[in-house]
Amino acid sequence: MTSFLEEIWSNNFVNFFASPLKIKEYVAGMVLTSIMTTAVGFLAMVLVAGLVFGYNILLLGFYIFPFILILFIFGVAIGIFISGVVFNFGPSAEWLAWPIPLLLSIISGVYYPLSTLPLFLQAIAKIFPTAYVFESMRTVVTSNNPASNIDLLIGLLLALAYLFLAYIFFIKIYQRNLKNGGIARFNAV
């Protein structure tokens, strides 16, 4: 999402589509740029947490890797989806991008167990892979029991499904904007 928004802020977005770049290549480039940026930021945080606070990222054992993978895939899916929303409504819809991750974190069990949520929010939380990841993390940290492989599998499948749907959504918005000239609104200052 941030890569997409940076292109809009720099008034460079339309230039991509004046080149022979395909939309698949554009999305892949956005994702690869995000992977590199995230990896650098993550490594810096791990280093600071280890040196300053004495925190070991491997406290959760090797379960940290599937947790990170599921959260990363879902994060990419959310970024592509939000980019599609901004692509659909234009640069003025950028404000929609920032509250969505916050709202998801509230119902995903990031800060507290899902059992503390009202039942209807628990049901909504179960459609997001983040709920499975954070509940599994909580189990590993609080009881030293291994995470449920079923929960991790459900989280991974949901994350992959959201990634696929977000990509299809972005492509459909792109095709519609290309057809009706909606890309031109991204050239306005």
N, C-alpha and C. Protein backbone atom coordinates (compact mmCIF):
# COMPACT_ATOMS: atom_id res chain seq x y z
N MET A 1 0.82 -1.18 0.00
CA MET A 1 0.00 0.00 0.00
C MET A 1 0.87 1.26 0.00
N THR A 2 1.89 1.26 0.83
CA THR A 2 2.74 2.44 0.92
C THR A 2 3.48 2.68 -0.39
N SER A 3 3.92 1.61 -1.05
CA SER A 3 4.60 1.77 -2.35
C SER A 3 3.66 2.41 -3.36
N PHE A 4 2.43 1.96 -3.37
CA PHE A 4 1.42 2.50 -4.28
C PHE A 4 1.16 3.98 -3.97
N LEU A 5 0.99 4.29 -2.69
CA LEU A 5 0.71 5.68 -2.31
C LEU A 5 1.90 6.59 -2.60
N GLU A 6 3.12 6.09 -2.43
CA GLU A 6 4.30 6.91 -2.74
C GLU A 6 4.33 7.29 -4.22
N GLU A 7 3.90 6.37 -5.07
CA GLU A 7 3.85 6.67 -6.50
C GLU A 7 2.81 7.74 -6.80
N ILE A 8 1.71 7.71 -6.08
CA ILE A 8 0.68 8.73 -6.27
C ILE A 8 1.18 10.08 -5.74
N TRP A 9 1.78 10.07 -4.55
CA TRP A 9 2.27 11.32 -3.95
C TRP A 9 3.33 11.99 -4.82
N SER A 10 4.15 11.20 -5.48
CA SER A 10 5.22 11.77 -6.31
C SER A 10 4.76 12.06 -7.73
N ASN A 11 3.46 11.89 -7.98
CA ASN A 11 2.89 12.10 -9.32
C ASN A 11 3.60 11.26 -10.38
N ASN A 12 4.00 10.07 -10.00
CA ASN A 12 4.72 9.20 -10.89
C ASN A 12 3.86 8.01 -11.34
N PHE A 13 2.69 7.86 -10.78
CA PHE A 13 1.86 6.68 -11.01
C PHE A 13 1.51 6.48 -12.47
N VAL A 14 1.06 7.52 -13.15
CA VAL A 14 0.64 7.40 -14.54
C VAL A 14 1.82 7.04 -15.45
N ASN A 15 3.02 7.43 -15.07
CA ASN A 15 4.21 7.13 -15.88
C ASN A 15 4.43 5.63 -16.05
N PHE A 16 4.05 4.85 -15.04
CA PHE A 16 4.21 3.40 -15.16
C PHE A 16 3.41 2.86 -16.33
N PHE A 17 2.25 3.43 -16.55
CA PHE A 17 1.35 2.88 -17.57
C PHE A 17 1.62 3.48 -18.95
N ALA A 18 2.55 4.42 -19.02
CA ALA A 18 3.00 4.92 -20.32
C ALA A 18 4.14 4.05 -20.85
N SER A 19 4.64 3.19 -19.99
CA SER A 19 5.72 2.27 -20.38
C SER A 19 5.12 0.92 -20.79
N PRO A 20 5.92 0.02 -21.31
CA PRO A 20 5.39 -1.29 -21.68
C PRO A 20 5.19 -2.23 -20.47
N LEU A 21 5.25 -1.67 -19.28
CA LEU A 21 5.07 -2.45 -18.05
C LEU A 21 3.66 -3.03 -17.98
N LYS A 22 3.56 -4.32 -17.68
CA LYS A 22 2.26 -4.96 -17.52
C LYS A 22 1.80 -4.80 -16.08
N ILE A 23 0.50 -4.86 -15.87
CA ILE A 23 -0.05 -4.68 -14.52
C ILE A 23 0.47 -5.76 -13.58
N LYS A 24 0.63 -6.98 -14.07
CA LYS A 24 1.17 -8.06 -13.23
C LYS A 24 2.58 -7.72 -12.76
N GLU A 25 3.38 -7.15 -13.67
CA GLU A 25 4.74 -6.76 -13.32
C GLU A 25 4.74 -5.60 -12.32
N TYR A 26 3.79 -4.69 -12.49
CA TYR A 26 3.68 -3.56 -11.56
C TYR A 26 3.36 -4.05 -10.15
N VAL A 27 2.37 -4.94 -10.04
CA VAL A 27 1.99 -5.47 -8.74
C VAL A 27 3.14 -6.27 -8.14
N ALA A 28 3.81 -7.09 -8.96
CA ALA A 28 4.96 -7.86 -8.46
C ALA A 28 6.06 -6.92 -7.97
N GLY A 29 6.30 -5.84 -8.68
CA GLY A 29 7.29 -4.86 -8.25
C GLY A 29 6.92 -4.20 -6.93
N MET A 30 5.64 -3.86 -6.80
CA MET A 30 5.18 -3.28 -5.53
C MET A 30 5.41 -4.25 -4.38
N VAL A 31 5.08 -5.52 -4.61
CA VAL A 31 5.22 -6.53 -3.56
C VAL A 31 6.69 -6.75 -3.23
N LEU A 32 7.55 -6.86 -4.24
CA LEU A 32 8.98 -7.07 -3.99
C LEU A 32 9.61 -5.88 -3.26
N THR A 33 9.21 -4.68 -3.63
CA THR A 33 9.70 -3.50 -2.93
C THR A 33 9.27 -3.52 -1.47
N SER A 34 8.04 -3.92 -1.25
CA SER A 34 7.52 -4.01 0.11
C SER A 34 8.23 -5.09 0.91
N ILE A 35 8.54 -6.20 0.26
CA ILE A 35 9.26 -7.29 0.94
C ILE A 35 10.63 -6.79 1.41
N MET A 36 11.33 -6.10 0.54
CA MET A 36 12.66 -5.61 0.90
C MET A 36 12.58 -4.57 2.02
N THR A 37 11.65 -3.65 1.90
CA THR A 37 11.48 -2.62 2.93
C THR A 37 11.11 -3.25 4.27
N THR A 38 10.19 -4.19 4.23
CA THR A 38 9.75 -4.86 5.46
C THR A 38 10.90 -5.66 6.07
N ALA A 39 11.66 -6.35 5.25
CA ALA A 39 12.77 -7.16 5.77
C ALA A 39 13.81 -6.28 6.46
N VAL A 40 14.14 -5.15 5.86
CA VAL A 40 15.12 -4.25 6.47
C VAL A 40 14.58 -3.71 7.80
N GLY A 41 13.31 -3.27 7.80
CA GLY A 41 12.70 -2.76 9.03
C GLY A 41 12.60 -3.83 10.10
N PHE A 42 12.23 -5.04 9.70
CA PHE A 42 12.10 -6.14 10.66
C PHE A 42 13.45 -6.49 11.28
N LEU A 43 14.48 -6.59 10.45
CA LEU A 43 15.81 -6.90 10.97
C LEU A 43 16.32 -5.81 11.90
N ALA A 44 16.03 -4.56 11.56
CA ALA A 44 16.43 -3.46 12.45
C ALA A 44 15.71 -3.56 13.79
N MET A 45 14.41 -3.88 13.75
CA MET A 45 13.65 -4.01 15.01
C MET A 45 14.16 -5.19 15.84
N VAL A 46 14.48 -6.31 15.19
CA VAL A 46 15.00 -7.47 15.90
C VAL A 46 16.33 -7.12 16.55
N LEU A 47 17.17 -6.42 15.83
CA LEU A 47 18.47 -6.02 16.36
C LEU A 47 18.32 -5.09 17.56
N VAL A 48 17.48 -4.07 17.42
CA VAL A 48 17.27 -3.12 18.53
C VAL A 48 16.64 -3.84 19.73
N ALA A 49 15.63 -4.67 19.48
CA ALA A 49 14.98 -5.40 20.58
C ALA A 49 15.97 -6.30 21.30
N GLY A 50 16.87 -6.91 20.54
CA GLY A 50 17.86 -7.79 21.16
C GLY A 50 18.92 -7.03 21.93
N LEU A 51 19.46 -5.97 21.34
CA LEU A 51 20.54 -5.21 21.97
C LEU A 51 20.06 -4.33 23.12
N VAL A 52 18.96 -3.65 22.94
CA VAL A 52 18.50 -2.69 23.94
C VAL A 52 17.68 -3.35 25.04
N PHE A 53 16.79 -4.27 24.65
CA PHE A 53 15.87 -4.85 25.62
C PHE A 53 16.18 -6.30 25.97
N GLY A 54 17.15 -6.91 25.29
CA GLY A 54 17.49 -8.29 25.57
C GLY A 54 16.40 -9.28 25.14
N TYR A 55 15.57 -8.88 24.20
CA TYR A 55 14.48 -9.74 23.73
C TYR A 55 14.97 -10.64 22.60
N ASN A 56 14.66 -11.91 22.71
CA ASN A 56 15.04 -12.87 21.68
C ASN A 56 13.81 -13.19 20.83
N ILE A 57 13.90 -12.91 19.56
CA ILE A 57 12.77 -13.13 18.65
C ILE A 57 12.41 -14.61 18.57
N LEU A 58 13.37 -15.48 18.84
CA LEU A 58 13.11 -16.91 18.77
C LEU A 58 12.52 -17.47 20.07
N LEU A 59 12.00 -16.58 20.92
CA LEU A 59 11.33 -17.00 22.15
C LEU A 59 10.18 -17.95 21.83
N LEU A 60 9.54 -17.74 20.70
CA LEU A 60 8.43 -18.60 20.30
C LEU A 60 8.91 -19.86 19.60
N GLY A 61 10.20 -20.02 19.45
CA GLY A 61 10.74 -21.18 18.76
C GLY A 61 10.59 -21.03 17.26
N PHE A 62 10.55 -22.16 16.60
CA PHE A 62 10.45 -22.13 15.14
C PHE A 62 9.04 -21.79 14.66
N TYR A 63 8.08 -21.72 15.58
CA TYR A 63 6.73 -21.30 15.19
C TYR A 63 6.70 -19.84 14.74
N ILE A 64 7.73 -19.09 15.08
CA ILE A 64 7.76 -17.70 14.66
C ILE A 64 7.73 -17.58 13.14
N PHE A 65 8.33 -18.53 12.44
CA PHE A 65 8.40 -18.44 10.98
C PHE A 65 7.04 -18.61 10.31
N PRO A 66 6.23 -19.62 10.67
CA PRO A 66 4.88 -19.67 10.06
C PRO A 66 4.02 -18.47 10.47
N PHE A 67 4.17 -18.01 11.71
CA PHE A 67 3.41 -16.83 12.14
C PHE A 67 3.74 -15.63 11.25
N ILE A 68 5.04 -15.41 11.06
CA ILE A 68 5.47 -14.27 10.25
C ILE A 68 5.02 -14.43 8.80
N LEU A 69 5.13 -15.65 8.28
CA LEU A 69 4.72 -15.90 6.90
C LEU A 69 3.23 -15.60 6.69
N ILE A 70 2.39 -16.09 7.58
CA ILE A 70 0.94 -15.87 7.45
C ILE A 70 0.62 -14.38 7.56
N LEU A 71 1.22 -13.71 8.55
CA LEU A 71 0.96 -12.27 8.72
C LEU A 71 1.47 -11.49 7.52
N PHE A 72 2.61 -11.90 6.97
CA PHE A 72 3.16 -11.20 5.82
C PHE A 72 2.26 -11.36 4.60
N ILE A 73 1.82 -12.58 4.32
CA ILE A 73 0.95 -12.82 3.17
C ILE A 73 -0.34 -12.03 3.31
N PHE A 74 -0.92 -12.04 4.50
CA PHE A 74 -2.15 -11.28 4.70
C PHE A 74 -1.90 -9.78 4.61
N GLY A 75 -0.75 -9.33 5.11
CA GLY A 75 -0.40 -7.91 4.99
C GLY A 75 -0.28 -7.47 3.55
N VAL A 76 0.32 -8.31 2.71
CA VAL A 76 0.43 -8.01 1.29
C VAL A 76 -0.97 -7.95 0.67
N ALA A 77 -1.82 -8.89 1.06
CA ALA A 77 -3.20 -8.91 0.54
C ALA A 77 -3.94 -7.63 0.92
N ILE A 78 -3.81 -7.21 2.16
CA ILE A 78 -4.48 -5.97 2.60
C ILE A 78 -3.91 -4.78 1.84
N GLY A 79 -2.60 -4.74 1.64
CA GLY A 79 -1.98 -3.64 0.90
C GLY A 79 -2.48 -3.57 -0.53
N ILE A 80 -2.59 -4.72 -1.19
CA ILE A 80 -3.09 -4.73 -2.57
C ILE A 80 -4.56 -4.32 -2.61
N PHE A 81 -5.33 -4.81 -1.63
CA PHE A 81 -6.75 -4.44 -1.58
C PHE A 81 -6.92 -2.93 -1.38
N ILE A 82 -6.20 -2.37 -0.42
CA ILE A 82 -6.31 -0.94 -0.15
C ILE A 82 -5.83 -0.13 -1.35
N SER A 83 -4.78 -0.61 -2.02
CA SER A 83 -4.33 0.06 -3.24
C SER A 83 -5.42 0.05 -4.30
N GLY A 84 -6.13 -1.06 -4.40
CA GLY A 84 -7.26 -1.15 -5.32
C GLY A 84 -8.37 -0.18 -4.97
N VAL A 85 -8.64 -0.04 -3.68
CA VAL A 85 -9.68 0.92 -3.25
C VAL A 85 -9.28 2.34 -3.63
N VAL A 86 -8.02 2.69 -3.35
CA VAL A 86 -7.54 4.03 -3.71
C VAL A 86 -7.53 4.19 -5.23
N PHE A 87 -7.14 3.14 -5.93
CA PHE A 87 -7.14 3.16 -7.40
C PHE A 87 -8.56 3.36 -7.93
N ASN A 88 -9.53 2.82 -7.25
CA ASN A 88 -10.92 2.93 -7.66
C ASN A 88 -11.48 4.33 -7.43
N PHE A 89 -11.26 4.88 -6.25
CA PHE A 89 -11.86 6.15 -5.88
C PHE A 89 -10.97 7.35 -6.13
N GLY A 90 -9.72 7.14 -6.44
CA GLY A 90 -8.81 8.25 -6.72
C GLY A 90 -7.98 8.62 -5.51
N PRO A 91 -7.02 9.52 -5.72
CA PRO A 91 -6.09 9.90 -4.66
C PRO A 91 -6.76 10.47 -3.41
N SER A 92 -7.93 11.05 -3.56
CA SER A 92 -8.59 11.62 -2.38
C SER A 92 -9.09 10.54 -1.42
N ALA A 93 -9.12 9.29 -1.85
CA ALA A 93 -9.55 8.19 -0.99
C ALA A 93 -8.41 7.62 -0.16
N GLU A 94 -7.27 8.27 -0.21
CA GLU A 94 -6.11 7.78 0.54
C GLU A 94 -6.40 7.66 2.03
N TRP A 95 -7.23 8.51 2.56
CA TRP A 95 -7.53 8.48 3.99
C TRP A 95 -8.17 7.16 4.40
N LEU A 96 -8.77 6.43 3.46
CA LEU A 96 -9.35 5.13 3.78
C LEU A 96 -8.27 4.09 4.09
N ALA A 97 -7.08 4.32 3.60
CA ALA A 97 -6.01 3.32 3.74
C ALA A 97 -5.53 3.15 5.17
N TRP A 98 -5.51 4.19 5.95
CA TRP A 98 -4.87 4.13 7.25
C TRP A 98 -5.70 3.49 8.36
N PRO A 99 -7.00 3.66 8.43
CA PRO A 99 -7.73 3.03 9.54
C PRO A 99 -7.99 1.53 9.38
N ILE A 100 -7.90 0.99 8.17
CA ILE A 100 -8.23 -0.42 7.95
C ILE A 100 -7.31 -1.35 8.77
N PRO A 101 -5.99 -1.18 8.74
CA PRO A 101 -5.16 -2.07 9.58
C PRO A 101 -5.47 -1.93 11.08
N LEU A 102 -5.77 -0.73 11.52
CA LEU A 102 -6.11 -0.53 12.93
C LEU A 102 -7.39 -1.28 13.28
N LEU A 103 -8.40 -1.17 12.43
CA LEU A 103 -9.65 -1.87 12.70
C LEU A 103 -9.45 -3.38 12.70
N LEU A 104 -8.63 -3.88 11.79
CA LEU A 104 -8.35 -5.31 11.77
C LEU A 104 -7.60 -5.76 13.03
N SER A 105 -6.70 -4.94 13.51
CA SER A 105 -5.95 -5.32 14.71
C SER A 105 -6.85 -5.40 15.93
N ILE A 106 -7.89 -4.58 15.97
CA ILE A 106 -8.80 -4.59 17.11
C ILE A 106 -9.56 -5.91 17.20
N ILE A 107 -10.00 -6.43 16.05
CA ILE A 107 -10.77 -7.67 16.10
C ILE A 107 -9.94 -8.92 15.82
N SER A 108 -8.63 -8.78 15.74
CA SER A 108 -7.77 -9.94 15.44
C SER A 108 -7.13 -10.55 16.67
N GLY A 109 -7.37 -10.00 17.82
CA GLY A 109 -6.76 -10.55 19.03
C GLY A 109 -5.32 -10.14 19.21
N VAL A 110 -4.92 -9.03 18.64
CA VAL A 110 -3.54 -8.56 18.79
C VAL A 110 -3.28 -8.16 20.24
N TYR A 111 -4.21 -7.45 20.84
CA TYR A 111 -4.01 -6.87 22.16
C TYR A 111 -4.59 -7.70 23.29
N TYR A 112 -5.54 -8.57 23.00
CA TYR A 112 -6.23 -9.34 24.02
C TYR A 112 -6.81 -10.59 23.37
N PRO A 113 -7.13 -11.61 24.19
CA PRO A 113 -7.68 -12.84 23.62
C PRO A 113 -9.03 -12.60 22.93
N LEU A 114 -9.29 -13.38 21.91
CA LEU A 114 -10.57 -13.26 21.20
C LEU A 114 -11.75 -13.53 22.10
N SER A 115 -11.54 -14.34 23.13
CA SER A 115 -12.65 -14.68 24.03
C SER A 115 -13.20 -13.46 24.77
N THR A 116 -12.45 -12.36 24.80
CA THR A 116 -12.95 -11.15 25.47
C THR A 116 -13.88 -10.33 24.57
N LEU A 117 -13.91 -10.67 23.28
CA LEU A 117 -14.78 -9.95 22.35
C LEU A 117 -16.21 -10.47 22.45
N PRO A 118 -17.19 -9.64 22.11
CA PRO A 118 -18.57 -10.14 22.01
C PRO A 118 -18.63 -11.26 20.96
N LEU A 119 -19.60 -12.14 21.08
CA LEU A 119 -19.68 -13.31 20.20
C LEU A 119 -19.74 -12.95 18.72
N PHE A 120 -20.47 -11.89 18.36
CA PHE A 120 -20.55 -11.54 16.94
C PHE A 120 -19.21 -11.07 16.41
N LEU A 121 -18.40 -10.41 17.23
CA LEU A 121 -17.06 -10.00 16.79
C LEU A 121 -16.10 -11.18 16.75
N GLN A 122 -16.30 -12.17 17.64
CA GLN A 122 -15.49 -13.38 17.58
C GLN A 122 -15.73 -14.10 16.26
N ALA A 123 -16.99 -14.15 15.83
CA ALA A 123 -17.32 -14.80 14.57
C ALA A 123 -16.68 -14.05 13.40
N ILE A 124 -16.71 -12.72 13.44
CA ILE A 124 -16.09 -11.92 12.38
C ILE A 124 -14.58 -12.13 12.40
N ALA A 125 -13.98 -12.18 13.57
CA ALA A 125 -12.53 -12.35 13.69
C ALA A 125 -12.06 -13.65 13.06
N LYS A 126 -12.88 -14.68 13.13
CA LYS A 126 -12.48 -15.99 12.61
C LYS A 126 -12.39 -16.03 11.08
N ILE A 127 -12.83 -14.99 10.40
CA ILE A 127 -12.67 -14.97 8.94
C ILE A 127 -11.35 -14.32 8.52
N PHE A 128 -10.57 -13.87 9.49
CA PHE A 128 -9.28 -13.26 9.21
C PHE A 128 -8.15 -14.15 9.72
N PRO A 129 -7.11 -14.34 8.92
CA PRO A 129 -6.00 -15.21 9.35
C PRO A 129 -5.26 -14.68 10.57
N THR A 130 -5.31 -13.39 10.77
CA THR A 130 -4.60 -12.79 11.91
C THR A 130 -5.13 -13.32 13.24
N ALA A 131 -6.41 -13.61 13.31
CA ALA A 131 -6.99 -14.14 14.55
C ALA A 131 -6.36 -15.49 14.90
N TYR A 132 -6.15 -16.33 13.91
CA TYR A 132 -5.55 -17.64 14.16
C TYR A 132 -4.10 -17.50 14.58
N VAL A 133 -3.40 -16.57 13.96
CA VAL A 133 -1.99 -16.38 14.30
C VAL A 133 -1.83 -15.87 15.72
N PHE A 134 -2.56 -14.82 16.08
CA PHE A 134 -2.36 -14.23 17.41
C PHE A 134 -2.88 -15.12 18.53
N GLU A 135 -3.94 -15.87 18.27
CA GLU A 135 -4.40 -16.82 19.28
C GLU A 135 -3.38 -17.95 19.45
N SER A 136 -2.80 -18.40 18.35
CA SER A 136 -1.76 -19.45 18.43
C SER A 136 -0.52 -18.92 19.14
N MET A 137 -0.13 -17.69 18.84
CA MET A 137 1.02 -17.09 19.52
C MET A 137 0.77 -17.00 21.01
N ARG A 138 -0.43 -16.59 21.37
CA ARG A 138 -0.79 -16.46 22.78
C ARG A 138 -0.70 -17.81 23.48
N THR A 139 -1.12 -18.88 22.80
CA THR A 139 -1.04 -20.22 23.37
C THR A 139 0.41 -20.62 23.60
N VAL A 140 1.26 -20.36 22.63
CA VAL A 140 2.68 -20.72 22.75
C VAL A 140 3.33 -19.94 23.89
N VAL A 141 3.06 -18.65 23.98
CA VAL A 141 3.71 -17.81 24.99
C VAL A 141 3.21 -18.10 26.39
N THR A 142 1.90 -18.27 26.56
CA THR A 142 1.34 -18.41 27.90
C THR A 142 1.44 -19.82 28.46
N SER A 143 1.37 -20.83 27.60
CA SER A 143 1.34 -22.20 28.14
C SER A 143 2.51 -23.06 27.67
N ASN A 144 3.38 -22.52 26.86
CA ASN A 144 4.50 -23.27 26.30
C ASN A 144 4.06 -24.51 25.53
N ASN A 145 2.79 -24.55 25.14
CA ASN A 145 2.30 -25.63 24.30
C ASN A 145 2.51 -25.24 22.85
N PRO A 146 2.75 -26.21 21.99
CA PRO A 146 2.91 -25.85 20.57
C PRO A 146 1.60 -25.34 19.98
N ALA A 147 1.74 -24.52 18.97
CA ALA A 147 0.57 -23.98 18.29
C ALA A 147 -0.14 -25.10 17.54
N SER A 148 -1.43 -24.95 17.39
CA SER A 148 -2.21 -25.93 16.65
C SER A 148 -1.87 -25.84 15.16
N ASN A 149 -1.47 -26.97 14.60
CA ASN A 149 -1.16 -26.98 13.18
C ASN A 149 -2.40 -26.71 12.33
N ILE A 150 -3.57 -27.11 12.84
CA ILE A 150 -4.82 -26.86 12.12
C ILE A 150 -5.07 -25.35 12.07
N ASP A 151 -4.87 -24.65 13.19
CA ASP A 151 -5.07 -23.20 13.21
C ASP A 151 -4.11 -22.49 12.26
N LEU A 152 -2.86 -22.96 12.25
CA LEU A 152 -1.89 -22.35 11.34
C LEU A 152 -2.24 -22.63 9.89
N LEU A 153 -2.72 -23.83 9.61
CA LEU A 153 -3.13 -24.17 8.24
C LEU A 153 -4.34 -23.33 7.81
N ILE A 154 -5.31 -23.18 8.71
CA ILE A 154 -6.48 -22.35 8.40
C ILE A 154 -6.03 -20.92 8.14
N GLY A 155 -5.15 -20.40 9.00
CA GLY A 155 -4.65 -19.04 8.82
C GLY A 155 -3.92 -18.88 7.49
N LEU A 156 -3.09 -19.86 7.13
CA LEU A 156 -2.35 -19.80 5.87
C LEU A 156 -3.30 -19.84 4.68
N LEU A 157 -4.27 -20.74 4.71
CA LEU A 157 -5.22 -20.84 3.60
C LEU A 157 -6.05 -19.57 3.46
N LEU A 158 -6.46 -19.00 4.59
CA LEU A 158 -7.20 -17.74 4.53
C LEU A 158 -6.34 -16.62 3.96
N ALA A 159 -5.08 -16.55 4.40
CA ALA A 159 -4.18 -15.50 3.91
C ALA A 159 -3.98 -15.64 2.41
N LEU A 160 -3.78 -16.85 1.93
CA LEU A 160 -3.61 -17.07 0.49
C LEU A 160 -4.88 -16.73 -0.28
N ALA A 161 -6.03 -17.07 0.28
CA ALA A 161 -7.30 -16.75 -0.37
C ALA A 161 -7.48 -15.23 -0.46
N TYR A 162 -7.17 -14.52 0.62
CA TYR A 162 -7.28 -13.06 0.60
C TYR A 162 -6.29 -12.45 -0.40
N LEU A 163 -5.11 -13.01 -0.49
CA LEU A 163 -4.12 -12.51 -1.45
C LEU A 163 -4.64 -12.67 -2.88
N PHE A 164 -5.18 -13.82 -3.18
CA PHE A 164 -5.73 -14.07 -4.51
C PHE A 164 -6.89 -13.12 -4.81
N LEU A 165 -7.81 -12.97 -3.86
CA LEU A 165 -8.97 -12.09 -4.06
C LEU A 165 -8.55 -10.63 -4.20
N ALA A 166 -7.57 -10.20 -3.41
CA ALA A 166 -7.10 -8.82 -3.50
C ALA A 166 -6.46 -8.56 -4.85
N TYR A 167 -5.69 -9.52 -5.35
CA TYR A 167 -5.06 -9.37 -6.66
C TYR A 167 -6.12 -9.27 -7.76
N ILE A 168 -7.10 -10.13 -7.72
CA ILE A 168 -8.20 -10.10 -8.70
C ILE A 168 -8.93 -8.76 -8.62
N PHE A 169 -9.18 -8.29 -7.41
CA PHE A 169 -9.85 -7.00 -7.20
C PHE A 169 -9.04 -5.87 -7.84
N PHE A 170 -7.73 -5.85 -7.58
CA PHE A 170 -6.87 -4.80 -8.13
C PHE A 170 -6.87 -4.85 -9.65
N ILE A 171 -6.77 -6.04 -10.22
CA ILE A 171 -6.75 -6.20 -11.69
C ILE A 171 -8.06 -5.71 -12.28
N LYS A 172 -9.19 -6.04 -11.65
CA LYS A 172 -10.50 -5.60 -12.17
C LYS A 172 -10.62 -4.08 -12.12
N ILE A 173 -10.16 -3.47 -11.03
CA ILE A 173 -10.19 -2.01 -10.92
C ILE A 173 -9.30 -1.40 -12.00
N TYR A 174 -8.12 -1.96 -12.20
CA TYR A 174 -7.21 -1.48 -13.22
C TYR A 174 -7.86 -1.54 -14.60
N GLN A 175 -8.44 -2.68 -14.94
CA GLN A 175 -9.07 -2.85 -16.25
C GLN A 175 -10.22 -1.86 -16.44
N ARG A 176 -11.00 -1.65 -15.40
CA ARG A 176 -12.11 -0.70 -15.50
C ARG A 176 -11.60 0.73 -15.67
N ASN A 177 -10.56 1.10 -14.89
CA ASN A 177 -10.00 2.45 -15.01
C ASN A 177 -9.34 2.66 -16.37
N LEU A 178 -8.74 1.63 -16.90
CA LEU A 178 -8.13 1.72 -18.22
C LEU A 178 -9.20 1.94 -19.29
N LYS A 179 -10.29 1.23 -19.14
CA LYS A 179 -11.37 1.31 -20.12
C LYS A 179 -12.10 2.65 -20.09
N ASN A 180 -12.39 3.16 -18.87
CA ASN A 180 -13.17 4.40 -18.78
C ASN A 180 -12.32 5.66 -18.57
N GLY A 181 -11.00 5.52 -18.62
CA GLY A 181 -10.12 6.69 -18.50
C GLY A 181 -9.91 7.16 -17.07
N GLY A 182 -10.25 6.32 -16.10
CA GLY A 182 -10.10 6.70 -14.69
C GLY A 182 -8.67 6.91 -14.26
N ILE A 183 -7.71 6.40 -15.01
CA ILE A 183 -6.31 6.59 -14.66
C ILE A 183 -5.93 8.07 -14.76
N ALA A 184 -6.61 8.81 -15.59
CA ALA A 184 -6.29 10.23 -15.78
C ALA A 184 -6.42 11.04 -14.51
N ARG A 185 -7.29 10.63 -13.59
CA ARG A 185 -7.45 11.42 -12.36
C ARG A 185 -6.20 11.36 -11.47
N PHE A 186 -5.32 10.41 -11.74
CA PHE A 186 -4.10 10.30 -10.95
C PHE A 186 -3.01 11.25 -11.46
N ASN A 187 -3.27 11.90 -12.56
CA ASN A 187 -2.33 12.85 -13.11
C ASN A 187 -2.62 14.27 -12.62
N ALA A 188 -3.79 14.46 -12.04
CA ALA A 188 -4.16 15.80 -11.54
C ALA A 188 -3.42 16.10 -10.24
N VAL A 189 -3.03 17.34 -10.08
CA VAL A 189 -2.31 17.74 -8.88
C VAL A 189 -3.25 18.42 -7.92
